[in-house]
Amino acid sequence: MSMFDVSLICMDCLAAEKEHPDYDRACTAELEELQRGNRNFKGIGYSTSEIANDPIDW
């Protein structure tokens, strides 16, 4: 699963996602929400322009 949203992603996409400059921020946000008891956190999301310009077909 993506750290940015609730998308199920393949291993190639996961490797690419880990290279994203906000990956650590997304991981931290996920952990903080889990520690607060929120098991339905939808992630920090991507901006529309990031998705549109990404070379991977999300």
N, C-alpha and C. Protein backbone atom coordinates (compact mmCIF):
# COMPACT_ATOMS: atom_id res chain seq x y z
N MET A 1 0.84 -1.18 0.00
CA MET A 1 0.00 0.00 0.00
C MET A 1 0.88 1.24 0.00
N SER A 2 0.43 2.24 -0.70
CA SER A 2 1.14 3.50 -0.77
C SER A 2 1.17 4.17 0.61
N MET A 3 2.25 4.89 0.88
CA MET A 3 2.33 5.68 2.11
C MET A 3 1.66 7.04 1.93
N PHE A 4 1.36 7.41 0.69
CA PHE A 4 0.77 8.72 0.41
C PHE A 4 -0.75 8.70 0.40
N ASP A 5 -1.33 7.58 0.06
CA ASP A 5 -2.79 7.47 0.01
C ASP A 5 -3.16 6.01 0.22
N VAL A 6 -4.38 5.64 -0.10
CA VAL A 6 -4.85 4.28 0.16
C VAL A 6 -4.72 3.36 -1.05
N SER A 7 -3.93 3.76 -2.03
CA SER A 7 -3.76 2.96 -3.24
C SER A 7 -2.93 1.71 -2.96
N LEU A 8 -3.33 0.62 -3.59
CA LEU A 8 -2.51 -0.58 -3.58
C LEU A 8 -1.52 -0.43 -4.73
N ILE A 9 -0.24 -0.61 -4.44
CA ILE A 9 0.78 -0.41 -5.47
C ILE A 9 1.67 -1.64 -5.57
N CYS A 10 2.29 -1.80 -6.74
CA CYS A 10 3.20 -2.93 -6.97
C CYS A 10 4.57 -2.61 -6.35
N MET A 11 5.45 -3.58 -6.33
CA MET A 11 6.76 -3.40 -5.74
C MET A 11 7.61 -2.38 -6.50
N ASP A 12 7.46 -2.32 -7.82
CA ASP A 12 8.19 -1.32 -8.61
C ASP A 12 7.73 0.09 -8.22
N CYS A 13 6.43 0.25 -8.06
CA CYS A 13 5.89 1.56 -7.67
C CYS A 13 6.32 1.92 -6.24
N LEU A 14 6.39 0.92 -5.37
CA LEU A 14 6.84 1.16 -4.00
C LEU A 14 8.28 1.66 -4.00
N ALA A 15 9.13 1.03 -4.81
CA ALA A 15 10.52 1.46 -4.90
C ALA A 15 10.61 2.90 -5.40
N ALA A 16 9.80 3.25 -6.39
CA ALA A 16 9.79 4.61 -6.91
C ALA A 16 9.24 5.59 -5.87
N GLU A 17 8.21 5.16 -5.15
CA GLU A 17 7.61 6.02 -4.13
C GLU A 17 8.63 6.35 -3.04
N LYS A 18 9.47 5.40 -2.70
CA LYS A 18 10.48 5.63 -1.66
C LYS A 18 11.49 6.69 -2.05
N GLU A 19 11.59 6.98 -3.33
CA GLU A 19 12.49 8.02 -3.82
C GLU A 19 11.85 9.41 -3.79
N HIS A 20 10.56 9.48 -3.54
CA HIS A 20 9.85 10.76 -3.51
C HIS A 20 10.37 11.61 -2.35
N PRO A 21 10.57 12.90 -2.57
CA PRO A 21 11.12 13.76 -1.51
C PRO A 21 10.26 13.84 -0.25
N ASP A 22 8.96 13.56 -0.35
CA ASP A 22 8.08 13.63 0.82
C ASP A 22 7.80 12.25 1.44
N TYR A 23 8.53 11.23 1.02
CA TYR A 23 8.26 9.88 1.53
C TYR A 23 8.43 9.80 3.04
N ASP A 24 9.50 10.38 3.57
CA ASP A 24 9.71 10.33 5.03
C ASP A 24 8.60 11.06 5.77
N ARG A 25 8.13 12.17 5.21
CA ARG A 25 7.02 12.92 5.82
C ARG A 25 5.75 12.09 5.82
N ALA A 26 5.52 11.36 4.73
CA ALA A 26 4.33 10.49 4.64
C ALA A 26 4.40 9.37 5.67
N CYS A 27 5.59 8.78 5.84
CA CYS A 27 5.76 7.70 6.82
C CYS A 27 5.55 8.21 8.24
N THR A 28 6.11 9.38 8.52
CA THR A 28 5.95 9.97 9.85
C THR A 28 4.49 10.28 10.15
N ALA A 29 3.78 10.83 9.18
CA ALA A 29 2.37 11.15 9.37
C ALA A 29 1.56 9.88 9.63
N GLU A 30 1.86 8.81 8.89
CA GLU A 30 1.17 7.54 9.09
C GLU A 30 1.40 7.02 10.50
N LEU A 31 2.64 7.02 10.95
CA LEU A 31 2.96 6.54 12.29
C LEU A 31 2.28 7.37 13.37
N GLU A 32 2.31 8.68 13.23
CA GLU A 32 1.66 9.56 14.21
C GLU A 32 0.16 9.28 14.30
N GLU A 33 -0.48 9.09 13.16
CA GLU A 33 -1.92 8.80 13.18
C GLU A 33 -2.20 7.44 13.82
N LEU A 34 -1.38 6.46 13.55
CA LEU A 34 -1.56 5.15 14.18
C LEU A 34 -1.40 5.26 15.70
N GLN A 35 -0.43 6.04 16.14
CA GLN A 35 -0.21 6.22 17.58
C GLN A 35 -1.38 6.94 18.24
N ARG A 36 -2.09 7.76 17.48
CA ARG A 36 -3.29 8.44 17.99
C ARG A 36 -4.51 7.53 17.97
N GLY A 37 -4.36 6.35 17.37
CA GLY A 37 -5.47 5.41 17.29
C GLY A 37 -6.24 5.48 15.99
N ASN A 38 -5.81 6.32 15.06
CA ASN A 38 -6.50 6.45 13.78
C ASN A 38 -6.02 5.35 12.83
N ARG A 39 -6.83 4.34 12.66
CA ARG A 39 -6.48 3.25 11.75
C ARG A 39 -7.10 3.44 10.37
N ASN A 40 -7.67 4.61 10.13
CA ASN A 40 -8.29 4.92 8.84
C ASN A 40 -7.66 6.15 8.19
N PHE A 41 -6.41 6.42 8.49
CA PHE A 41 -5.72 7.58 7.92
C PHE A 41 -5.60 7.40 6.41
N LYS A 42 -5.98 8.42 5.68
CA LYS A 42 -5.99 8.34 4.21
C LYS A 42 -4.67 8.79 3.59
N GLY A 43 -3.71 9.17 4.41
CA GLY A 43 -2.41 9.59 3.90
C GLY A 43 -2.34 11.08 3.64
N ILE A 44 -1.13 11.53 3.36
CA ILE A 44 -0.95 12.96 3.10
C ILE A 44 -1.30 13.33 1.67
N GLY A 45 -1.41 12.33 0.80
CA GLY A 45 -1.83 12.56 -0.58
C GLY A 45 -0.73 13.09 -1.48
N TYR A 46 -1.04 13.10 -2.74
CA TYR A 46 -0.20 13.67 -3.78
C TYR A 46 -0.91 14.88 -4.34
N SER A 47 -0.15 15.83 -4.82
CA SER A 47 -0.79 16.93 -5.53
C SER A 47 -1.17 16.40 -6.93
N THR A 48 -2.16 16.98 -7.53
CA THR A 48 -2.61 16.55 -8.86
C THR A 48 -1.48 16.64 -9.88
N SER A 49 -0.67 17.69 -9.79
CA SER A 49 0.42 17.85 -10.75
C SER A 49 1.47 16.76 -10.60
N GLU A 50 1.71 16.31 -9.38
CA GLU A 50 2.67 15.23 -9.18
C GLU A 50 2.20 13.95 -9.84
N ILE A 51 0.92 13.64 -9.69
CA ILE A 51 0.39 12.42 -10.29
C ILE A 51 0.42 12.54 -11.81
N ALA A 52 0.05 13.68 -12.34
CA ALA A 52 0.00 13.86 -13.78
C ALA A 52 1.38 13.79 -14.42
N ASN A 53 2.42 14.22 -13.70
CA ASN A 53 3.76 14.25 -14.26
C ASN A 53 4.61 13.05 -13.87
N ASP A 54 4.06 12.14 -13.12
CA ASP A 54 4.82 10.99 -12.67
C ASP A 54 5.00 10.00 -13.82
N PRO A 55 6.21 9.47 -14.02
CA PRO A 55 6.43 8.53 -15.11
C PRO A 55 5.78 7.17 -14.89
N ILE A 56 5.40 6.90 -13.67
CA ILE A 56 4.76 5.62 -13.37
C ILE A 56 3.26 5.77 -13.53
N ASP A 57 2.62 4.79 -14.11
CA ASP A 57 1.17 4.82 -14.31
C ASP A 57 0.52 4.40 -13.00
N TRP A 58 0.13 5.37 -12.19
CA TRP A 58 -0.51 5.07 -10.91
C TRP A 58 -1.87 4.49 -11.18
